């Protein structure tokens, strides 16, 4: 992911944004494309958990 994410609040915002994008893709039937933001969000979330 981007190095522009600095703090936990920034990461939480980015994780939520990725969640929203993935949800939009699922709603339109783009199941494979939805895995991209889902994976990116999971990686960011894991990094956030490690920093806590």
Protein backbone atom coordinates (compact mmCIF):
# COMPACT_ATOMS: atom_id res chain seq x y z
CA UNK A 1 0.00 0.00 0.00
CA UNK A 2 0.89 3.63 -0.10
CA UNK A 3 3.58 5.03 2.15
CA UNK A 4 1.38 8.10 2.65
CA UNK A 5 -0.48 6.29 5.47
CA UNK A 6 1.13 7.54 8.68
CA UNK A 7 -0.99 7.01 11.75
CA UNK A 8 -3.62 4.59 13.02
CA UNK A 9 -6.44 7.01 12.16
CA UNK A 10 -5.18 7.36 8.59
CA UNK A 11 -4.94 3.59 8.27
CA UNK A 12 -8.43 3.11 9.69
CA UNK A 13 -9.79 5.57 7.12
CA UNK A 14 -8.00 3.79 4.32
CA UNK A 15 -9.20 0.36 5.50
CA UNK A 16 -12.78 1.66 5.58
CA UNK A 17 -12.40 3.19 2.12
CA UNK A 18 -11.17 -0.14 0.77
CA UNK A 19 -14.09 -1.89 2.48
CA UNK A 20 -16.54 0.50 0.82
CA UNK A 21 -14.94 -0.02 -2.61
CA UNK A 22 -15.04 -3.78 -2.19
CA UNK A 23 -18.70 -3.62 -1.16
CA UNK A 24 -19.54 -1.56 -4.25
CA UNK A 25 -17.82 -4.10 -6.47
CA UNK A 26 -19.69 -6.96 -4.81
CA UNK A 27 -23.02 -5.18 -5.27
CA UNK A 28 -22.38 -4.86 -9.00
CA UNK A 29 -21.37 -8.51 -9.31
CA UNK A 30 -17.64 -7.91 -9.75
CA UNK A 31 -16.66 -10.64 -7.33
CA UNK A 32 -13.09 -11.17 -8.53
CA UNK A 33 -12.36 -7.44 -8.63
CA UNK A 34 -13.67 -7.11 -5.06
CA UNK A 35 -10.82 -9.29 -3.82
CA UNK A 36 -8.29 -6.55 -4.63
CA UNK A 37 -9.52 -3.95 -2.10
CA UNK A 38 -10.34 -6.77 0.34
CA UNK A 39 -6.74 -8.02 0.31
CA UNK A 40 -5.32 -4.52 0.54
CA UNK A 41 -7.59 -3.74 3.50
CA UNK A 42 -6.63 -6.96 5.24
CA UNK A 43 -2.93 -6.15 4.86
CA UNK A 44 -3.43 -2.64 6.21
CA UNK A 45 -5.55 -3.90 9.09
CA UNK A 46 -2.92 -6.49 10.01
CA UNK A 47 -0.25 -3.79 9.97
CA UNK A 48 -2.48 -1.60 12.18
CA UNK A 49 -2.89 -4.47 14.66
CA UNK A 50 0.88 -4.95 14.81
CA UNK A 51 1.41 -1.26 15.53
CA UNK A 52 -1.06 -1.30 18.44
